[in-house]
Amino acid sequence: MPDQTNNNQGCGKSTCGCSQNKPDGFSQVFDKKSDRRDAIRKLSLGLLTGAGLVNSSCSVTASDTKKEKAELNWEEYFKGNFRLMTEDEKQGTVDRLTRLYEINKGSTINLSAKDAEPDVLYGYAFNISKCQGYMDCVNACVEENNQDRDSEMQYIRIHEHKNGQINFEFADDDYYHEVPAEGHFYMGTQCFHCDNPPCVDVCPVGATWKEKDGIVVIDYDWCIGCRYCMAACPYDGRRFNWSDPKVLEEQVNKEQHYLGNRMRKKGVMEKCTFCIQRTRTGKNPACVEACPTGARVFGNLLDPDSEIRWVLANKKVFRLKEDLGTEPKFWYYMD
């Protein structure tokens, strides 16, 4: 199976301003020289930021709301990794983020830090025979997970293949024609929530990990944007956030999870979380509900009566790049 990672090549014209002639994200980060002076400068900047927050919170001329905001930002700036927090600390950061959103936006959100349910291991199956390439799933995912509209970030990709072959190198991922196209079939990809996720192994700061229910998550506030995980993922399942997500206030999904669809900051990794804000409350991911042909199946792999278990037991299923040993919890099958 060829590598699915996009290998965009520039047009070769030195005067062209297209994005394809810009250095790729990997080179922008890892080819940049850094020395001791640069490290000290960055550390000093962080300390100055903290000092500025302290000054704002202690200023006698600042309004009570401004002081409160500065104090909340200070506490958020120095909080620890979510995975290592106590339950009280988790609730504390949820309360702070909820209050900060109210101060900044003038509206409220329902932010959760709900843990994994016992005896639950999530799995996903995709029926290639039923997918018609409509992309309702992509649109639902964007809306559900508060993805940046300006950059058109998408966690899900639908690949159009010619009949008789599965070759991602020659698949069309950006088709703009009527579907389904004659002589073609469609396959969706996203984060596969591997049982042995290589992205987790390479993260230098422990910002990504696998939860008990199998969902691979990211602590956005702990991520340093190095993109090691992006390079390690063999399924092109991760996205880098080049800017703060821009979503109109009336379009923001206010039902959020700390490890899921809450508003992210610039310079961190994002990806599918199996709609953790939905699935941990007993709902299906947004893409499953939005699919008009019923091509997507989601459920608890530990429940012998679940639909996902029926598919695995009664259909001829396969997974991508099984030879890598990643054990993705995402299967494909055909009727």
C-alpha atoms as a PDB file:
ATOM      1  CA  MET A   1       0.000   0.000   0.000  1.00  0.00           C
ATOM      2  CA  PRO A   2       1.571   3.345  -1.014  1.00  0.00           C
ATOM      3  CA  ASP A   3       2.081   6.065   1.566  1.00  0.00           C
ATOM      4  CA  GLN A   4      -1.029   8.216   1.873  1.00  0.00           C
ATOM      5  CA  THR A   5       0.818  11.376   2.902  1.00  0.00           C
ATOM      6  CA  ASN A   6       0.438  14.151   0.349  1.00  0.00           C
ATOM      7  CA  ASN A   7       3.666  14.999  -1.492  1.00  0.00           C
ATOM      8  CA  ASN A   8       2.816  18.385  -2.982  1.00  0.00           C
ATOM      9  CA  GLN A   9       5.429  19.716  -5.383  1.00  0.00           C
ATOM     10  CA  GLY A  10       5.867  23.397  -6.248  1.00  0.00           C
ATOM     11  CA  CYS A  11       5.233  24.650  -9.720  1.00  0.00           C
ATOM     12  CA  GLY A  12       8.919  25.534 -10.074  1.00  0.00           C
ATOM     13  CA  LYS A  13       8.444  29.250 -10.792  1.00  0.00           C
ATOM     14  CA  SER A  14      10.467  31.441  -8.479  1.00  0.00           C
ATOM     15  CA  THR A  15       8.016  34.315  -8.857  1.00  0.00           C
ATOM     16  CA  CYS A  16       4.947  32.247  -8.111  1.00  0.00           C
ATOM     17  CA  GLY A  17       3.270  32.998  -4.799  1.00  0.00           C
ATOM     18  CA  CYS A  18       1.332  29.747  -4.537  1.00  0.00           C
ATOM     19  CA  SER A  19       1.472  27.813  -1.289  1.00  0.00           C
ATOM     20  CA  GLN A  20       3.128  24.872  -3.027  1.00  0.00           C
ATOM     21  CA  ASN A  21       6.375  26.856  -3.356  1.00  0.00           C
ATOM     22  CA  LYS A  22       6.519  27.606   0.353  1.00  0.00           C
ATOM     23  CA  PRO A  23       8.660  25.388   2.607  1.00  0.00           C
ATOM     24  CA  ASP A  24       6.683  22.515   4.003  1.00  0.00           C
ATOM     25  CA  GLY A  25       5.778  22.506   7.690  1.00  0.00           C
ATOM     26  CA  PHE A  26       8.423  19.948   8.591  1.00  0.00           C
ATOM     27  CA  SER A  27      11.292  22.006   7.185  1.00  0.00           C
ATOM     28  CA  GLN A  28       9.959  25.221   8.674  1.00  0.00           C
ATOM     29  CA  VAL A  29      10.246  23.734  12.148  1.00  0.00           C
ATOM     30  CA  PHE A  30      13.169  21.357  12.018  1.00  0.00           C
ATOM     31  CA  ASP A  31      15.469  23.239   9.631  1.00  0.00           C
ATOM     32  CA  LYS A  32      15.338  26.336  11.793  1.00  0.00           C
ATOM     33  CA  LYS A  33      18.566  26.813  13.701  1.00  0.00           C
ATOM     34  CA  SER A  34      18.351  27.284  17.445  1.00  0.00           C
ATOM     35  CA  ASP A  35      21.057  28.115  19.960  1.00  0.00           C
ATOM     36  CA  ARG A  36      21.373  28.782  23.663  1.00  0.00           C
ATOM     37  CA  ARG A  37      20.579  32.478  23.215  1.00  0.00           C
ATOM     38  CA  ASP A  38      17.374  31.634  21.345  1.00  0.00           C
ATOM     39  CA  ALA A  39      16.333  29.186  24.061  1.00  0.00           C
ATOM     40  CA  ILE A  40      16.920  31.812  26.754  1.00  0.00           C
ATOM     41  CA  ARG A  41      14.925  34.352  24.753  1.00  0.00           C
ATOM     42  CA  LYS A  42      11.947  32.013  24.517  1.00  0.00           C
ATOM     43  CA  LEU A  43      12.125  31.221  28.221  1.00  0.00           C
ATOM     44  CA  SER A  44      12.296  34.918  29.055  1.00  0.00           C
ATOM     45  CA  LEU A  45       9.296  35.590  26.846  1.00  0.00           C
ATOM     46  CA  GLY A  46       7.293  33.007  28.753  1.00  0.00           C
ATOM     47  CA  LEU A  47       8.289  34.529  32.089  1.00  0.00           C
ATOM     48  CA  LEU A  48       7.460  38.029  30.859  1.00  0.00           C
ATOM     49  CA  THR A  49       4.053  36.795  29.744  1.00  0.00           C
ATOM     50  CA  GLY A  50       3.428  35.461  33.215  1.00  0.00           C
ATOM     51  CA  ALA A  51       4.668  38.684  34.769  1.00  0.00           C
ATOM     52  CA  GLY A  52       2.341  40.683  32.552  1.00  0.00           C
ATOM     53  CA  LEU A  53      -0.617  38.604  33.711  1.00  0.00           C
ATOM     54  CA  VAL A  54       0.351  39.173  37.325  1.00  0.00           C
ATOM     55  CA  ASN A  55       0.595  42.937  36.790  1.00  0.00           C
ATOM     56  CA  SER A  56      -2.816  43.003  35.137  1.00  0.00           C
ATOM     57  CA  SER A  57      -4.418  41.082  37.962  1.00  0.00           C
ATOM     58  CA  CYS A  58      -2.833  43.313  40.619  1.00  0.00           C
ATOM     59  CA  SER A  59      -3.439  46.671  38.921  1.00  0.00           C
ATOM     60  CA  VAL A  60      -5.531  49.057  41.025  1.00  0.00           C
ATOM     61  CA  THR A  61      -6.873  50.720  37.864  1.00  0.00           C
ATOM     62  CA  ALA A  62      -8.035  47.552  36.132  1.00  0.00           C
ATOM     63  CA  SER A  63     -11.698  46.618  36.221  1.00  0.00           C
ATOM     64  CA  ASP A  64     -12.828  43.617  38.249  1.00  0.00           C
ATOM     65  CA  THR A  65     -13.539  41.656  35.051  1.00  0.00           C
ATOM     66  CA  LYS A  66     -10.104  42.472  33.637  1.00  0.00           C
ATOM     67  CA  LYS A  67      -8.461  41.389  36.898  1.00  0.00           C
ATOM     68  CA  GLU A  68     -10.470  38.174  36.929  1.00  0.00           C
ATOM     69  CA  LYS A  69      -9.498  37.444  33.322  1.00  0.00           C
ATOM     70  CA  ALA A  70      -5.811  38.025  34.094  1.00  0.00           C
ATOM     71  CA  GLU A  71      -5.956  35.730  37.115  1.00  0.00           C
ATOM     72  CA  LEU A  72      -7.695  32.992  35.120  1.00  0.00           C
ATOM     73  CA  ASN A  73      -5.173  33.298  32.283  1.00  0.00           C
ATOM     74  CA  TRP A  74      -2.333  33.087  34.796  1.00  0.00           C
ATOM     75  CA  GLU A  75      -3.710  29.877  36.275  1.00  0.00           C
ATOM     76  CA  GLU A  76      -4.275  28.411  32.824  1.00  0.00           C
ATOM     77  CA  TYR A  77      -0.789  29.345  31.655  1.00  0.00           C
ATOM     78  CA  PHE A  78       0.868  27.351  34.420  1.00  0.00           C
ATOM     79  CA  LYS A  79      -1.482  24.374  34.655  1.00  0.00           C
ATOM     80  CA  GLY A  80      -0.174  20.844  34.171  1.00  0.00           C
ATOM     81  CA  ASN A  81      -0.836  18.072  31.686  1.00  0.00           C
ATOM     82  CA  PHE A  82      -4.516  17.115  31.736  1.00  0.00           C
ATOM     83  CA  ARG A  83      -3.729  13.407  31.981  1.00  0.00           C
ATOM     84  CA  LEU A  84      -1.827  13.968  35.228  1.00  0.00           C
ATOM     85  CA  MET A  85      -4.422  16.215  36.884  1.00  0.00           C
ATOM     86  CA  THR A  86      -6.576  15.167  39.801  1.00  0.00           C
ATOM     87  CA  GLU A  87     -10.344  15.231  39.311  1.00  0.00           C
ATOM     88  CA  ASP A  88     -10.516  18.531  41.189  1.00  0.00           C
ATOM     89  CA  GLU A  89      -7.805  20.027  38.989  1.00  0.00           C
ATOM     90  CA  LYS A  90      -9.628  18.878  35.851  1.00  0.00           C
ATOM     91  CA  GLN A  91     -12.836  20.479  37.023  1.00  0.00           C
ATOM     92  CA  GLY A  92     -10.908  23.611  37.911  1.00  0.00           C
ATOM     93  CA  THR A  93      -9.518  24.030  34.404  1.00  0.00           C
ATOM     94  CA  VAL A  94     -12.949  23.314  32.887  1.00  0.00           C
ATOM     95  CA  ASP A  95     -14.462  26.029  35.089  1.00  0.00           C
ATOM     96  CA  ARG A  96     -11.713  28.493  34.145  1.00  0.00           C
ATOM     97  CA  LEU A  97     -12.071  27.903  30.418  1.00  0.00           C
ATOM     98  CA  THR A  98     -15.846  28.191  30.656  1.00  0.00           C
ATOM     99  CA  ARG A  99     -15.565  31.493  32.492  1.00  0.00           C
ATOM    100  CA  LEU A 100     -12.904  32.826  30.099  1.00  0.00           C
ATOM    101  CA  TYR A 101     -15.141  32.050  27.135  1.00  0.00           C
ATOM    102  CA  GLU A 102     -17.975  33.919  28.818  1.00  0.00           C
ATOM    103  CA  ILE A 103     -15.741  36.947  29.448  1.00  0.00           C
ATOM    104  CA  ASN A 104     -14.253  36.946  25.942  1.00  0.00           C
ATOM    105  CA  LYS A 105     -17.358  36.103  23.903  1.00  0.00           C
ATOM    106  CA  GLY A 106     -20.257  37.120  26.101  1.00  0.00           C
ATOM    107  CA  SER A 107     -21.869  33.692  25.773  1.00  0.00           C
ATOM    108  CA  THR A 108     -21.615  30.355  27.533  1.00  0.00           C
ATOM    109  CA  ILE A 109     -20.393  26.903  26.560  1.00  0.00           C
ATOM    110  CA  ASN A 110     -21.030  23.493  28.061  1.00  0.00           C
ATOM    111  CA  LEU A 111     -17.484  22.168  28.483  1.00  0.00           C
ATOM    112  CA  SER A 112     -17.030  18.615  29.778  1.00  0.00           C
ATOM    113  CA  ALA A 113     -14.098  16.577  31.026  1.00  0.00           C
ATOM    114  CA  LYS A 114     -16.046  13.323  31.170  1.00  0.00           C
ATOM    115  CA  ASP A 115     -13.803  10.263  31.495  1.00  0.00           C
ATOM    116  CA  ALA A 116     -14.086   7.037  29.524  1.00  0.00           C
ATOM    117  CA  GLU A 117     -16.888   4.694  30.528  1.00  0.00           C
ATOM    118  CA  PRO A 118     -15.852   1.275  31.903  1.00  0.00           C
ATOM    119  CA  ASP A 119     -16.013  -1.742  29.578  1.00  0.00           C
ATOM    120  CA  VAL A 120     -16.045   0.410  26.443  1.00  0.00           C
ATOM    121  CA  LEU A 121     -13.606   0.182  23.528  1.00  0.00           C
ATOM    122  CA  TYR A 122     -14.676   2.103  20.457  1.00  0.00           C
ATOM    123  CA  GLY A 123     -14.341   0.809  16.904  1.00  0.00           C
ATOM    124  CA  TYR A 124     -15.358   2.003  13.445  1.00  0.00           C
ATOM    125  CA  ALA A 125     -16.238   0.303  10.172  1.00  0.00           C
ATOM    126  CA  PHE A 126     -16.638   1.830   6.703  1.00  0.00           C
ATOM    127  CA  ASN A 127     -18.788   0.197   4.013  1.00  0.00           C
ATOM    128  CA  ILE A 128     -17.081   0.916   0.699  1.00  0.00           C
ATOM    129  CA  SER A 129     -20.083  -0.428  -1.218  1.00  0.00           C
ATOM    130  CA  LYS A 130     -22.405   2.218   0.230  1.00  0.00           C
ATOM    131  CA  CYS A 131     -20.277   5.379   0.192  1.00  0.00           C
ATOM    132  CA  GLN A 132     -21.237   7.596  -2.751  1.00  0.00           C
ATOM    133  CA  GLY A 133     -18.749  10.396  -2.110  1.00  0.00           C
ATOM    134  CA  TYR A 134     -21.327  12.973  -0.994  1.00  0.00           C
ATOM    135  CA  MET A 135     -19.101  14.414   1.777  1.00  0.00           C
ATOM    136  CA  ASP A 136     -21.983  15.055   4.175  1.00  0.00           C
ATOM    137  CA  CYS A 137     -19.743  13.414   6.759  1.00  0.00           C
ATOM    138  CA  VAL A 138     -16.968  15.943   6.143  1.00  0.00           C
ATOM    139  CA  ASN A 139     -19.298  18.913   6.537  1.00  0.00           C
ATOM    140  CA  ALA A 140     -20.851  17.494   9.700  1.00  0.00           C
ATOM    141  CA  CYS A 141     -17.399  16.899  11.179  1.00  0.00           C
ATOM    142  CA  VAL A 142     -16.320  20.483  10.477  1.00  0.00           C
ATOM    143  CA  GLU A 143     -19.417  21.919  12.159  1.00  0.00           C
ATOM    144  CA  GLU A 144     -19.392  19.529  15.104  1.00  0.00           C
ATOM    145  CA  ASN A 145     -15.718  19.977  15.925  1.00  0.00           C
ATOM    146  CA  ASN A 146     -15.386  23.757  15.492  1.00  0.00           C
ATOM    147  CA  GLN A 147     -12.792  23.482  12.744  1.00  0.00           C
ATOM    148  CA  ASP A 148     -11.294  26.599  11.193  1.00  0.00           C
ATOM    149  CA  ARG A 149     -13.435  27.821   8.314  1.00  0.00           C
ATOM    150  CA  ASP A 150     -10.807  30.086   6.730  1.00  0.00           C
ATOM    151  CA  SER A 151      -8.247  27.336   6.142  1.00  0.00           C
ATOM    152  CA  GLU A 152     -10.977  24.779   5.377  1.00  0.00           C
ATOM    153  CA  MET A 153      -9.430  22.321   7.820  1.00  0.00           C
ATOM    154  CA  GLN A 154     -10.962  18.851   7.593  1.00  0.00           C
ATOM    155  CA  TYR A 155     -10.294  15.799   9.769  1.00  0.00           C
ATOM    156  CA  ILE A 156     -12.032  13.457   7.293  1.00  0.00           C
ATOM    157  CA  ARG A 157     -10.942  12.882   3.718  1.00  0.00           C
ATOM    158  CA  ILE A 158     -12.932  11.083   1.041  1.00  0.00           C
ATOM    159  CA  HIS A 159     -10.746   9.469  -1.624  1.00  0.00           C
ATOM    160  CA  GLU A 160     -12.128   8.750  -5.099  1.00  0.00           C
ATOM    161  CA  HIS A 161     -10.536   5.612  -6.583  1.00  0.00           C
ATOM    162  CA  LYS A 162     -10.925   4.030  -9.990  1.00  0.00           C
ATOM    163  CA  ASN A 163     -12.729   0.705  -9.922  1.00  0.00           C
ATOM    164  CA  GLY A 164     -10.438  -2.259  -9.496  1.00  0.00           C
ATOM    165  CA  GLN A 165      -7.672  -0.572  -7.505  1.00  0.00           C
ATOM    166  CA  ILE A 166      -6.940   0.992  -4.141  1.00  0.00           C
ATOM    167  CA  ASN A 167      -4.031   3.317  -4.717  1.00  0.00           C
ATOM    168  CA  PHE A 168      -3.977   6.462  -2.615  1.00  0.00           C
ATOM    169  CA  GLU A 169      -1.144   7.909  -4.674  1.00  0.00           C
ATOM    170  CA  PHE A 170      -3.503   8.268  -7.646  1.00  0.00           C
ATOM    171  CA  ALA A 171      -6.771   8.833  -5.758  1.00  0.00           C
ATOM    172  CA  ASP A 172      -8.603  12.132  -6.163  1.00  0.00           C
ATOM    173  CA  ASP A 173      -9.088  13.792  -2.769  1.00  0.00           C
ATOM    174  CA  ASP A 174     -10.370  17.136  -4.077  1.00  0.00           C
ATOM    175  CA  TYR A 175     -12.960  16.243  -6.675  1.00  0.00           C
ATOM    176  CA  TYR A 176     -15.509  18.897  -7.675  1.00  0.00           C
ATOM    177  CA  HIS A 177     -17.899  16.998  -9.882  1.00  0.00           C
ATOM    178  CA  GLU A 178     -21.196  15.217  -9.542  1.00  0.00           C
ATOM    179  CA  VAL A 179     -21.000  12.019  -7.518  1.00  0.00           C
ATOM    180  CA  PRO A 180     -20.971   9.112  -7.642  1.00  0.00           C
ATOM    181  CA  ALA A 181     -18.735   9.220 -10.714  1.00  0.00           C
ATOM    182  CA  GLU A 182     -19.067   6.319 -13.116  1.00  0.00           C
ATOM    183  CA  GLY A 183     -16.239   3.814 -12.827  1.00  0.00           C
ATOM    184  CA  HIS A 184     -15.156   4.985  -9.380  1.00  0.00           C
ATOM    185  CA  PHE A 185     -15.657   4.128  -5.714  1.00  0.00           C
ATOM    186  CA  TYR A 186     -15.028   6.044  -2.495  1.00  0.00           C
ATOM    187  CA  MET A 187     -13.111   5.477   0.753  1.00  0.00           C
ATOM    188  CA  GLY A 188     -12.978   7.716   3.793  1.00  0.00           C
ATOM    189  CA  THR A 189      -9.949   8.157   6.034  1.00  0.00           C
ATOM    190  CA  GLN A 190      -9.398   9.981   9.325  1.00  0.00           C
ATOM    191  CA  CYS A 191      -7.607   9.200  12.565  1.00  0.00           C
ATOM    192  CA  PHE A 192      -7.851   5.422  12.997  1.00  0.00           C
ATOM    193  CA  HIS A 193      -7.283   5.456  16.780  1.00  0.00           C
ATOM    194  CA  CYS A 194      -4.674   2.743  16.656  1.00  0.00           C
ATOM    195  CA  ASP A 195      -4.184   0.324  19.501  1.00  0.00           C
ATOM    196  CA  ASN A 196      -0.428   0.848  19.045  1.00  0.00           C
ATOM    197  CA  PRO A 197      -0.369   4.489  17.943  1.00  0.00           C
ATOM    198  CA  PRO A 198       3.069   5.588  16.695  1.00  0.00           C
ATOM    199  CA  CYS A 199       2.045   9.226  17.118  1.00  0.00           C
ATOM    200  CA  VAL A 200       1.910   8.748  20.880  1.00  0.00           C
ATOM    201  CA  ASP A 201       5.351   7.167  21.044  1.00  0.00           C
ATOM    202  CA  VAL A 202       7.118  10.091  19.355  1.00  0.00           C
ATOM    203  CA  CYS A 203       5.516  12.991  21.248  1.00  0.00           C
ATOM    204  CA  PRO A 204       8.357  14.563  23.283  1.00  0.00           C
ATOM    205  CA  VAL A 205       6.085  16.201  25.882  1.00  0.00           C
ATOM    206  CA  GLY A 206       3.347  13.618  26.413  1.00  0.00           C
ATOM    207  CA  ALA A 207       0.671  15.831  24.841  1.00  0.00           C
ATOM    208  CA  THR A 208      -1.081  12.916  23.103  1.00  0.00           C
ATOM    209  CA  TRP A 209      -2.105   9.544  24.479  1.00  0.00           C
ATOM    210  CA  LYS A 210      -4.626   6.709  24.187  1.00  0.00           C
ATOM    211  CA  GLU A 211      -7.577   6.767  26.571  1.00  0.00           C
ATOM    212  CA  LYS A 212      -9.096   3.653  28.176  1.00  0.00           C
ATOM    213  CA  ASP A 213     -11.906   3.588  25.606  1.00  0.00           C
ATOM    214  CA  GLY A 214      -9.338   3.565  22.789  1.00  0.00           C
ATOM    215  CA  ILE A 215      -9.707   7.200  21.728  1.00  0.00           C
ATOM    216  CA  VAL A 216      -6.351   8.836  20.964  1.00  0.00           C
ATOM    217  CA  VAL A 217      -6.539  12.386  22.306  1.00  0.00           C
ATOM    218  CA  ILE A 218      -4.475  15.580  22.415  1.00  0.00           C
ATOM    219  CA  ASP A 219      -4.045  18.069  25.247  1.00  0.00           C
ATOM    220  CA  TYR A 220      -4.000  21.224  23.108  1.00  0.00           C
ATOM    221  CA  ASP A 221      -2.559  23.317  25.921  1.00  0.00           C
ATOM    222  CA  TRP A 222       0.377  20.936  26.359  1.00  0.00           C
ATOM    223  CA  CYS A 223       1.147  20.475  22.643  1.00  0.00           C
ATOM    224  CA  ILE A 224       4.237  22.384  21.473  1.00  0.00           C
ATOM    225  CA  GLY A 225       3.488  22.037  17.756  1.00  0.00           C
ATOM    226  CA  CYS A 226       6.640  20.060  16.876  1.00  0.00           C
ATOM    227  CA  ARG A 227       4.626  17.840  14.501  1.00  0.00           C
ATOM    228  CA  TYR A 228       6.555  14.673  15.322  1.00  0.00           C
ATOM    229  CA  CYS A 229       3.160  12.934  15.605  1.00  0.00           C
ATOM    230  CA  MET A 230       2.134  14.196  12.182  1.00  0.00           C
ATOM    231  CA  ALA A 231       5.271  12.707  10.643  1.00  0.00           C
ATOM    232  CA  ALA A 232       4.852   9.415  12.524  1.00  0.00           C
ATOM    233  CA  CYS A 233       1.219   8.807  11.539  1.00  0.00           C
ATOM    234  CA  PRO A 234       1.129   6.389   8.565  1.00  0.00           C
ATOM    235  CA  TYR A 235      -2.490   7.335   7.791  1.00  0.00           C
ATOM    236  CA  ASP A 236      -2.199  11.115   7.399  1.00  0.00           C
ATOM    237  CA  GLY A 237      -4.656  11.479  10.268  1.00  0.00           C
ATOM    238  CA  ARG A 238      -3.328  14.618  11.967  1.00  0.00           C
ATOM    239  CA  ARG A 239      -3.659  18.297  11.110  1.00  0.00           C
ATOM    240  CA  PHE A 240      -1.529  21.259  12.168  1.00  0.00           C
ATOM    241  CA  ASN A 241      -3.322  24.444  13.152  1.00  0.00           C
ATOM    242  CA  TRP A 242      -1.580  27.373  11.475  1.00  0.00           C
ATOM    243  CA  SER A 243      -3.947  29.923  13.027  1.00  0.00           C
ATOM    244  CA  ASP A 244      -6.572  30.289  15.714  1.00  0.00           C
ATOM    245  CA  PRO A 245      -9.767  28.621  14.488  1.00  0.00           C
ATOM    246  CA  LYS A 246     -12.124  31.220  13.034  1.00  0.00           C
ATOM    247  CA  VAL A 247     -15.750  30.248  13.541  1.00  0.00           C
ATOM    248  CA  LEU A 248     -18.621  32.692  13.668  1.00  0.00           C
ATOM    249  CA  GLU A 249     -20.059  32.847  17.170  1.00  0.00           C
ATOM    250  CA  GLU A 250     -23.486  31.719  15.989  1.00  0.00           C
ATOM    251  CA  GLN A 251     -21.858  28.677  14.336  1.00  0.00           C
ATOM    252  CA  VAL A 252     -19.777  27.558  17.327  1.00  0.00           C
ATOM    253  CA  ASN A 253     -20.824  24.193  18.730  1.00  0.00           C
ATOM    254  CA  LYS A 254     -21.190  25.000  22.425  1.00  0.00           C
ATOM    255  CA  GLU A 255     -21.333  21.315  23.503  1.00  0.00           C
ATOM    256  CA  GLN A 256     -17.625  20.693  23.963  1.00  0.00           C
ATOM    257  CA  HIS A 257     -15.112  18.354  25.564  1.00  0.00           C
ATOM    258  CA  TYR A 258     -11.721  19.402  26.903  1.00  0.00           C
ATOM    259  CA  LEU A 259      -9.983  16.717  24.812  1.00  0.00           C
ATOM    260  CA  GLY A 260     -12.235  17.188  21.803  1.00  0.00           C
ATOM    261  CA  ASN A 261     -13.894  20.064  20.021  1.00  0.00           C
ATOM    262  CA  ARG A 262     -13.161  23.001  22.320  1.00  0.00           C
ATOM    263  CA  MET A 263     -11.682  26.045  20.637  1.00  0.00           C
ATOM    264  CA  ARG A 264      -7.978  25.511  20.015  1.00  0.00           C
ATOM    265  CA  LYS A 265      -5.124  27.963  19.925  1.00  0.00           C
ATOM    266  CA  LYS A 266      -2.716  28.597  17.069  1.00  0.00           C
ATOM    267  CA  GLY A 267       0.187  26.210  16.512  1.00  0.00           C
ATOM    268  CA  VAL A 268      -1.121  22.886  17.846  1.00  0.00           C
ATOM    269  CA  MET A 269      -2.139  19.532  16.413  1.00  0.00           C
ATOM    270  CA  GLU A 270      -5.753  18.566  15.779  1.00  0.00           C
ATOM    271  CA  LYS A 271      -7.521  15.432  14.572  1.00  0.00           C
ATOM    272  CA  CYS A 272     -10.597  13.243  14.764  1.00  0.00           C
ATOM    273  CA  THR A 273     -11.481  12.213  18.325  1.00  0.00           C
ATOM    274  CA  PHE A 274     -14.439   9.988  17.391  1.00  0.00           C
ATOM    275  CA  CYS A 275     -16.457  13.062  18.509  1.00  0.00           C
ATOM    276  CA  ILE A 276     -15.538  12.413  22.132  1.00  0.00           C
ATOM    277  CA  GLN A 277     -18.028  15.071  23.247  1.00  0.00           C
ATOM    278  CA  ARG A 278     -20.789  12.945  21.711  1.00  0.00           C
ATOM    279  CA  THR A 279     -19.666   9.352  22.059  1.00  0.00           C
ATOM    280  CA  ARG A 280     -19.000   9.596  25.780  1.00  0.00           C
ATOM    281  CA  THR A 281     -22.625  10.590  26.234  1.00  0.00           C
ATOM    282  CA  GLY A 282     -23.916   7.605  24.261  1.00  0.00           C
ATOM    283  CA  LYS A 283     -24.271   9.244  20.845  1.00  0.00           C
ATOM    284  CA  ASN A 284     -22.714   8.360  17.505  1.00  0.00           C
ATOM    285  CA  PRO A 285     -20.012  10.555  15.944  1.00  0.00           C
ATOM    286  CA  ALA A 286     -21.427  13.352  13.796  1.00  0.00           C
ATOM    287  CA  CYS A 287     -20.111  11.736  10.593  1.00  0.00           C
ATOM    288  CA  VAL A 288     -22.042   8.530  11.295  1.00  0.00           C
ATOM    289  CA  GLU A 289     -25.318  10.367  11.793  1.00  0.00           C
ATOM    290  CA  ALA A 290     -24.761  12.583   8.754  1.00  0.00           C
ATOM    291  CA  CYS A 291     -23.976   9.809   6.259  1.00  0.00           C
ATOM    292  CA  PRO A 292     -27.024   9.570   3.940  1.00  0.00           C
ATOM    293  CA  THR A 293     -26.210   6.052   2.741  1.00  0.00           C
ATOM    294  CA  GLY A 294     -25.417   4.354   6.051  1.00  0.00           C
ATOM    295  CA  ALA A 295     -21.830   3.619   5.046  1.00  0.00           C
ATOM    296  CA  ARG A 296     -20.446   4.287   8.532  1.00  0.00           C
ATOM    297  CA  VAL A 297     -20.754   2.018  11.558  1.00  0.00           C
ATOM    298  CA  PHE A 298     -19.552   2.903  15.062  1.00  0.00           C
ATOM    299  CA  GLY A 299     -19.827   1.110  18.359  1.00  0.00           C
ATOM    300  CA  ASN A 300     -18.406  -0.672  21.375  1.00  0.00           C
ATOM    301  CA  LEU A 301     -16.056  -3.504  20.437  1.00  0.00           C
ATOM    302  CA  LEU A 302     -16.552  -5.045  23.883  1.00  0.00           C
ATOM    303  CA  ASP A 303     -20.316  -5.351  23.397  1.00  0.00           C
ATOM    304  CA  PRO A 304     -21.054  -8.660  21.609  1.00  0.00           C
ATOM    305  CA  ASP A 305     -24.471  -7.325  20.557  1.00  0.00           C
ATOM    306  CA  SER A 306     -23.188  -4.113  18.963  1.00  0.00           C
ATOM    307  CA  GLU A 307     -23.459  -3.470  15.231  1.00  0.00           C
ATOM    308  CA  ILE A 308     -19.687  -3.068  14.914  1.00  0.00           C
ATOM    309  CA  ARG A 309     -19.181  -6.569  16.326  1.00  0.00           C
ATOM    310  CA  TRP A 310     -21.752  -7.952  13.886  1.00  0.00           C
ATOM    311  CA  VAL A 311     -19.885  -6.382  10.969  1.00  0.00           C
ATOM    312  CA  LEU A 312     -16.550  -7.799  12.101  1.00  0.00           C
ATOM    313  CA  ALA A 313     -18.061 -11.248  12.530  1.00  0.00           C
ATOM    314  CA  ASN A 314     -20.104 -11.398   9.319  1.00  0.00           C
ATOM    315  CA  LYS A 315     -18.247  -9.297   6.741  1.00  0.00           C
ATOM    316  CA  LYS A 316     -14.900  -9.730   5.063  1.00  0.00           C
ATOM    317  CA  VAL A 317     -13.076  -6.799   6.609  1.00  0.00           C
ATOM    318  CA  PHE A 318      -9.614  -5.354   6.153  1.00  0.00           C
ATOM    319  CA  ARG A 319      -7.514  -2.528   7.550  1.00  0.00           C
ATOM    320  CA  LEU A 320      -4.936  -0.286   5.908  1.00  0.00           C
ATOM    321  CA  LYS A 321      -1.234  -1.026   6.368  1.00  0.00           C
ATOM    322  CA  GLU A 322      -1.810  -3.886   8.787  1.00  0.00           C
ATOM    323  CA  ASP A 323       1.811  -4.940   8.337  1.00  0.00           C
ATOM    324  CA  LEU A 324       2.915  -1.936  10.417  1.00  0.00           C
ATOM    325  CA  GLY A 325       1.440  -3.403  13.590  1.00  0.00           C
ATOM    326  CA  THR A 326      -0.433  -0.228  14.515  1.00  0.00           C
ATOM    327  CA  GLU A 327      -3.699  -2.185  15.009  1.00  0.00           C
ATOM    328  CA  PRO A 328      -6.071   0.559  13.819  1.00  0.00           C
ATOM    329  CA  LYS A 329      -9.602   0.338  15.182  1.00  0.00           C
ATOM    330  CA  PHE A 330     -10.999   1.276  11.768  1.00  0.00           C
ATOM    331  CA  TRP A 331     -12.076  -1.441   9.337  1.00  0.00           C
ATOM    332  CA  TYR A 332     -13.285  -1.453   5.726  1.00  0.00           C
ATOM    333  CA  TYR A 333     -15.708  -3.921   4.161  1.00  0.00           C
ATOM    334  CA  MET A 334     -18.011  -4.412   1.183  1.00  0.00           C
ATOM    335  CA  ASP A 335     -21.475  -5.908   0.867  1.00  0.00           C
END
